N, C-alpha and C. Protein backbone atom coordinates (compact mmCIF):
# COMPACT_ATOMS: atom_id res chain seq x y z
N MET A 1 16.91 -16.84 -3.07
CA MET A 1 15.63 -16.76 -3.75
C MET A 1 15.73 -17.61 -5.02
N SER A 2 14.73 -18.43 -5.23
CA SER A 2 14.73 -19.30 -6.42
C SER A 2 14.41 -18.49 -7.66
N ILE A 3 14.72 -19.04 -8.81
CA ILE A 3 14.42 -18.36 -10.07
C ILE A 3 12.91 -18.17 -10.24
N GLY A 4 12.13 -19.13 -9.74
CA GLY A 4 10.68 -19.01 -9.79
C GLY A 4 10.19 -17.85 -8.95
N ASP A 5 10.74 -17.72 -7.72
CA ASP A 5 10.37 -16.60 -6.85
C ASP A 5 10.77 -15.27 -7.48
N GLU A 6 11.96 -15.26 -8.06
CA GLU A 6 12.45 -14.03 -8.69
C GLU A 6 11.56 -13.63 -9.87
N ALA A 7 11.16 -14.61 -10.67
CA ALA A 7 10.28 -14.34 -11.81
C ALA A 7 8.92 -13.84 -11.33
N GLU A 8 8.42 -14.44 -10.27
CA GLU A 8 7.13 -14.03 -9.72
C GLU A 8 7.18 -12.58 -9.24
N ARG A 9 8.25 -12.21 -8.54
CA ARG A 9 8.41 -10.84 -8.07
C ARG A 9 8.50 -9.86 -9.23
N PHE A 10 9.24 -10.28 -10.28
CA PHE A 10 9.38 -9.41 -11.44
C PHE A 10 8.02 -9.17 -12.10
N LEU A 11 7.26 -10.23 -12.30
CA LEU A 11 5.94 -10.09 -12.92
C LEU A 11 5.02 -9.26 -12.06
N ALA A 12 5.08 -9.44 -10.75
CA ALA A 12 4.25 -8.65 -9.84
C ALA A 12 4.61 -7.17 -9.92
N SER A 13 5.90 -6.88 -10.13
CA SER A 13 6.30 -5.48 -10.21
C SER A 13 5.78 -4.81 -11.47
N LEU A 14 5.49 -5.59 -12.51
CA LEU A 14 4.96 -5.04 -13.75
C LEU A 14 3.46 -4.84 -13.72
N ALA A 15 2.79 -5.58 -12.84
CA ALA A 15 1.33 -5.53 -12.77
C ALA A 15 0.86 -4.21 -12.18
N PRO A 16 -0.20 -3.64 -12.71
CA PRO A 16 -0.77 -2.45 -12.09
C PRO A 16 -1.40 -2.83 -10.75
N ALA A 17 -1.64 -1.86 -9.94
CA ALA A 17 -2.30 -2.11 -8.65
C ALA A 17 -3.69 -2.61 -8.94
N ALA A 18 -3.88 -3.91 -8.83
CA ALA A 18 -5.13 -4.57 -9.20
C ALA A 18 -6.31 -3.96 -8.45
N GLY A 19 -7.25 -3.43 -9.20
CA GLY A 19 -8.47 -2.93 -8.59
C GLY A 19 -8.36 -1.54 -8.02
N GLY A 20 -7.18 -1.08 -7.71
CA GLY A 20 -7.01 0.25 -7.15
C GLY A 20 -7.59 0.35 -5.75
N PRO A 21 -7.53 1.53 -5.19
CA PRO A 21 -8.06 1.73 -3.84
C PRO A 21 -9.57 1.54 -3.80
N GLU A 22 -10.04 0.98 -2.72
CA GLU A 22 -11.48 0.90 -2.48
C GLU A 22 -12.00 2.32 -2.22
N PRO A 23 -13.28 2.56 -2.45
CA PRO A 23 -13.82 3.89 -2.12
C PRO A 23 -13.55 4.22 -0.65
N HIS A 24 -13.02 5.37 -0.40
CA HIS A 24 -12.72 5.87 0.95
C HIS A 24 -11.59 5.12 1.63
N GLU A 25 -10.84 4.30 0.90
CA GLU A 25 -9.72 3.58 1.52
C GLU A 25 -8.56 4.54 1.74
N CYS A 26 -8.05 4.56 2.94
CA CYS A 26 -6.95 5.47 3.26
C CYS A 26 -5.64 4.96 2.65
N LEU A 27 -4.68 5.85 2.55
CA LEU A 27 -3.37 5.52 1.99
C LEU A 27 -2.73 4.37 2.75
N ARG A 28 -2.76 4.43 4.06
CA ARG A 28 -2.14 3.39 4.89
C ARG A 28 -2.69 2.01 4.54
N CYS A 29 -3.98 1.88 4.51
CA CYS A 29 -4.60 0.58 4.27
C CYS A 29 -4.37 0.09 2.85
N PHE A 30 -4.44 1.00 1.88
CA PHE A 30 -4.22 0.61 0.50
C PHE A 30 -2.79 0.12 0.29
N VAL A 31 -1.81 0.88 0.77
CA VAL A 31 -0.42 0.49 0.56
C VAL A 31 -0.11 -0.80 1.31
N ARG A 32 -0.61 -0.96 2.53
CA ARG A 32 -0.40 -2.22 3.27
C ARG A 32 -0.97 -3.40 2.49
N ARG A 33 -2.17 -3.23 1.98
CA ARG A 33 -2.83 -4.31 1.25
C ARG A 33 -2.06 -4.67 -0.02
N MET A 34 -1.64 -3.66 -0.76
CA MET A 34 -0.96 -3.91 -2.02
C MET A 34 0.44 -4.51 -1.80
N VAL A 35 1.19 -4.00 -0.83
CA VAL A 35 2.51 -4.56 -0.56
C VAL A 35 2.38 -5.99 -0.06
N SER A 36 1.36 -6.25 0.73
CA SER A 36 1.12 -7.60 1.22
C SER A 36 0.88 -8.56 0.06
N ARG A 37 0.11 -8.13 -0.91
CA ARG A 37 -0.26 -9.01 -2.03
C ARG A 37 0.77 -9.05 -3.14
N HIS A 38 1.42 -7.91 -3.41
CA HIS A 38 2.27 -7.81 -4.59
C HIS A 38 3.74 -7.55 -4.30
N GLY A 39 4.07 -7.30 -3.04
CA GLY A 39 5.46 -7.00 -2.71
C GLY A 39 5.82 -5.57 -3.06
N CYS A 40 7.07 -5.24 -2.81
CA CYS A 40 7.58 -3.90 -3.07
C CYS A 40 8.65 -3.99 -4.14
N ASP A 41 8.61 -3.09 -5.09
CA ASP A 41 9.62 -3.09 -6.15
C ASP A 41 10.63 -1.96 -6.00
N GLY A 42 10.68 -1.36 -4.82
CA GLY A 42 11.64 -0.30 -4.56
C GLY A 42 11.19 1.09 -4.99
N ARG A 43 9.93 1.18 -5.42
CA ARG A 43 9.37 2.47 -5.83
C ARG A 43 8.16 2.80 -4.98
N LEU A 44 7.59 3.95 -5.22
CA LEU A 44 6.34 4.36 -4.57
C LEU A 44 5.17 4.10 -5.52
N ARG A 45 5.15 2.92 -6.09
CA ARG A 45 4.15 2.55 -7.09
C ARG A 45 2.73 2.64 -6.54
N PHE A 46 2.48 2.04 -5.38
CA PHE A 46 1.13 2.03 -4.83
C PHE A 46 0.76 3.37 -4.22
N VAL A 47 1.73 4.08 -3.65
CA VAL A 47 1.47 5.43 -3.14
C VAL A 47 1.01 6.32 -4.29
N ARG A 48 1.71 6.25 -5.40
CA ARG A 48 1.35 7.08 -6.56
C ARG A 48 0.00 6.67 -7.15
N HIS A 49 -0.29 5.38 -7.12
CA HIS A 49 -1.59 4.92 -7.63
C HIS A 49 -2.71 5.47 -6.74
N TRP A 50 -2.52 5.43 -5.42
CA TRP A 50 -3.51 5.97 -4.49
C TRP A 50 -3.65 7.48 -4.70
N GLU A 51 -2.52 8.15 -4.88
CA GLU A 51 -2.51 9.60 -5.08
C GLU A 51 -3.31 9.99 -6.33
N GLN A 52 -3.16 9.23 -7.40
CA GLN A 52 -3.90 9.51 -8.64
C GLN A 52 -5.40 9.29 -8.46
N ALA A 53 -5.77 8.33 -7.62
CA ALA A 53 -7.18 8.02 -7.40
C ALA A 53 -7.83 8.98 -6.40
N ASN A 54 -7.02 9.80 -5.74
CA ASN A 54 -7.52 10.73 -4.73
C ASN A 54 -7.05 12.14 -5.04
N PRO A 55 -7.81 12.84 -5.88
CA PRO A 55 -7.38 14.17 -6.32
C PRO A 55 -7.21 15.17 -5.17
N SER A 56 -7.81 14.90 -4.03
CA SER A 56 -7.67 15.83 -2.91
C SER A 56 -6.41 15.56 -2.09
N ALA A 57 -5.60 14.58 -2.51
CA ALA A 57 -4.36 14.27 -1.79
C ALA A 57 -3.42 15.48 -1.84
N SER A 58 -2.64 15.62 -0.81
CA SER A 58 -1.69 16.72 -0.72
C SER A 58 -0.71 16.69 -1.90
N ARG A 59 -0.39 17.86 -2.40
CA ARG A 59 0.60 17.95 -3.47
C ARG A 59 1.98 17.52 -2.97
N ARG A 60 2.17 17.58 -1.68
CA ARG A 60 3.46 17.23 -1.07
C ARG A 60 3.48 15.81 -0.53
N LEU A 61 2.51 15.01 -0.89
CA LEU A 61 2.40 13.67 -0.32
C LEU A 61 3.71 12.89 -0.44
N VAL A 62 4.23 12.75 -1.64
CA VAL A 62 5.45 11.97 -1.84
C VAL A 62 6.62 12.59 -1.09
N ALA A 63 6.78 13.89 -1.17
CA ALA A 63 7.87 14.56 -0.46
C ALA A 63 7.76 14.35 1.04
N ASP A 64 6.53 14.47 1.58
CA ASP A 64 6.32 14.26 3.01
C ASP A 64 6.67 12.83 3.42
N LEU A 65 6.25 11.86 2.63
CA LEU A 65 6.55 10.46 2.95
C LEU A 65 8.05 10.21 2.89
N GLU A 66 8.72 10.74 1.89
CA GLU A 66 10.17 10.55 1.77
C GLU A 66 10.91 11.19 2.93
N GLU A 67 10.45 12.37 3.37
CA GLU A 67 11.07 13.05 4.52
C GLU A 67 10.93 12.23 5.80
N ARG A 68 9.89 11.40 5.86
CA ARG A 68 9.64 10.58 7.05
C ARG A 68 10.20 9.16 6.91
N GLY A 69 11.00 8.93 5.87
CA GLY A 69 11.65 7.63 5.72
C GLY A 69 10.96 6.67 4.78
N GLY A 70 10.03 7.15 3.97
CA GLY A 70 9.30 6.30 3.04
C GLY A 70 9.71 6.54 1.61
N SER A 71 10.80 5.91 1.19
CA SER A 71 11.28 6.08 -0.18
C SER A 71 10.72 5.05 -1.14
N CYS A 72 10.06 4.04 -0.62
CA CYS A 72 9.38 3.03 -1.44
C CYS A 72 8.15 2.56 -0.65
N ASP A 73 7.31 1.77 -1.29
CA ASP A 73 6.05 1.37 -0.65
C ASP A 73 6.25 0.65 0.67
N CYS A 74 7.19 -0.29 0.73
CA CYS A 74 7.35 -1.03 1.99
C CYS A 74 7.92 -0.13 3.09
N GLU A 75 8.76 0.84 2.73
CA GLU A 75 9.27 1.77 3.74
C GLU A 75 8.16 2.67 4.26
N VAL A 76 7.18 2.98 3.41
CA VAL A 76 6.04 3.76 3.87
C VAL A 76 5.29 2.98 4.95
N VAL A 77 5.07 1.68 4.69
CA VAL A 77 4.38 0.84 5.67
C VAL A 77 5.19 0.74 6.96
N LEU A 78 6.47 0.39 6.83
CA LEU A 78 7.31 0.12 7.99
C LEU A 78 7.76 1.37 8.73
N ASN A 79 8.26 2.37 8.02
CA ASN A 79 8.86 3.55 8.65
C ASN A 79 7.87 4.67 8.92
N VAL A 80 7.01 4.95 7.96
CA VAL A 80 6.09 6.08 8.12
C VAL A 80 4.91 5.70 9.01
N PHE A 81 4.28 4.56 8.71
CA PHE A 81 3.11 4.16 9.49
C PHE A 81 3.46 3.28 10.68
N GLY A 82 4.68 2.76 10.73
CA GLY A 82 5.10 1.93 11.87
C GLY A 82 4.35 0.62 11.95
N ASP A 83 3.91 0.11 10.80
CA ASP A 83 3.15 -1.14 10.75
C ASP A 83 4.05 -2.28 10.29
N GLN A 84 3.55 -3.48 10.47
CA GLN A 84 4.15 -4.65 9.85
C GLN A 84 3.43 -4.88 8.53
N ILE A 85 4.06 -5.58 7.62
CA ILE A 85 3.41 -5.93 6.37
C ILE A 85 2.62 -7.21 6.64
N PRO A 86 1.29 -7.16 6.54
CA PRO A 86 0.48 -8.33 6.88
C PRO A 86 0.65 -9.44 5.86
N ALA A 87 0.42 -10.67 6.32
CA ALA A 87 0.41 -11.81 5.40
C ALA A 87 -0.71 -11.59 4.39
N PRO A 88 -0.56 -12.05 3.16
CA PRO A 88 -1.58 -11.79 2.13
C PRO A 88 -2.97 -12.27 2.48
N THR A 89 -3.11 -13.29 3.31
CA THR A 89 -4.44 -13.80 3.64
C THR A 89 -5.03 -13.14 4.87
N ARG A 90 -4.24 -12.38 5.61
CA ARG A 90 -4.74 -11.74 6.83
C ARG A 90 -5.61 -10.55 6.48
N PRO A 91 -6.85 -10.53 6.94
CA PRO A 91 -7.70 -9.37 6.66
C PRO A 91 -7.20 -8.15 7.42
N LEU A 92 -7.39 -7.01 6.83
CA LEU A 92 -6.97 -5.77 7.50
C LEU A 92 -8.09 -5.31 8.42
N ALA A 93 -8.27 -6.05 9.50
CA ALA A 93 -9.38 -5.81 10.42
C ALA A 93 -9.31 -4.46 11.10
N ASP A 94 -8.10 -3.86 11.15
CA ASP A 94 -7.98 -2.57 11.82
C ASP A 94 -8.15 -1.39 10.88
N CYS A 95 -8.55 -1.64 9.64
CA CYS A 95 -8.70 -0.57 8.66
C CYS A 95 -9.94 0.27 8.98
N PRO A 96 -9.75 1.56 9.26
CA PRO A 96 -10.91 2.40 9.58
C PRO A 96 -11.88 2.54 8.41
N SER A 97 -11.37 2.46 7.20
CA SER A 97 -12.29 2.61 6.06
C SER A 97 -13.21 1.41 5.94
N ILE A 98 -12.75 0.24 6.32
CA ILE A 98 -13.61 -0.95 6.32
C ILE A 98 -14.71 -0.80 7.35
N HIS A 99 -14.35 -0.34 8.55
CA HIS A 99 -15.34 -0.19 9.61
C HIS A 99 -16.37 0.87 9.28
N SER A 100 -15.96 1.95 8.63
CA SER A 100 -16.92 3.01 8.33
C SER A 100 -17.90 2.56 7.25
N ARG A 101 -17.48 1.65 6.35
CA ARG A 101 -18.39 1.17 5.31
C ARG A 101 -19.35 0.12 5.84
N THR A 102 -18.87 -0.74 6.76
CA THR A 102 -19.71 -1.83 7.21
C THR A 102 -20.50 -1.50 8.46
N GLY A 103 -20.11 -0.40 9.11
CA GLY A 103 -20.82 -0.02 10.33
C GLY A 103 -20.37 -0.79 11.55
N THR A 104 -19.27 -1.55 11.44
CA THR A 104 -18.76 -2.28 12.60
C THR A 104 -17.77 -1.41 13.34
N SER A 105 -17.44 -1.81 14.53
CA SER A 105 -16.47 -1.07 15.31
C SER A 105 -15.34 -1.99 15.71
N GLY A 106 -14.14 -1.37 16.05
CA GLY A 106 -12.95 -2.15 16.38
C GLY A 106 -13.01 -2.58 17.74
């Protein structure tokens, strides 16, 4: 990894989750989108951001994710949801929250 790439990752890890979750955006879609755009810093940064924006989230959310192999944001995407991390420019066309807002179907 070049020093430029390393610096970029470091700065991205300091940035807050830009914009936060969209209204009605599920945890899966939010974390996939954020990890795709900002990478993973080895923490549950985006999971916790989503949890704060969704007061009805389970009190055991983090514990449940960790029990299922999600100790950081990228592990939540890969191990818990069994997804790939999409390229930053790839739209999340399979996001159910997008379809429910636009009225389109998959």
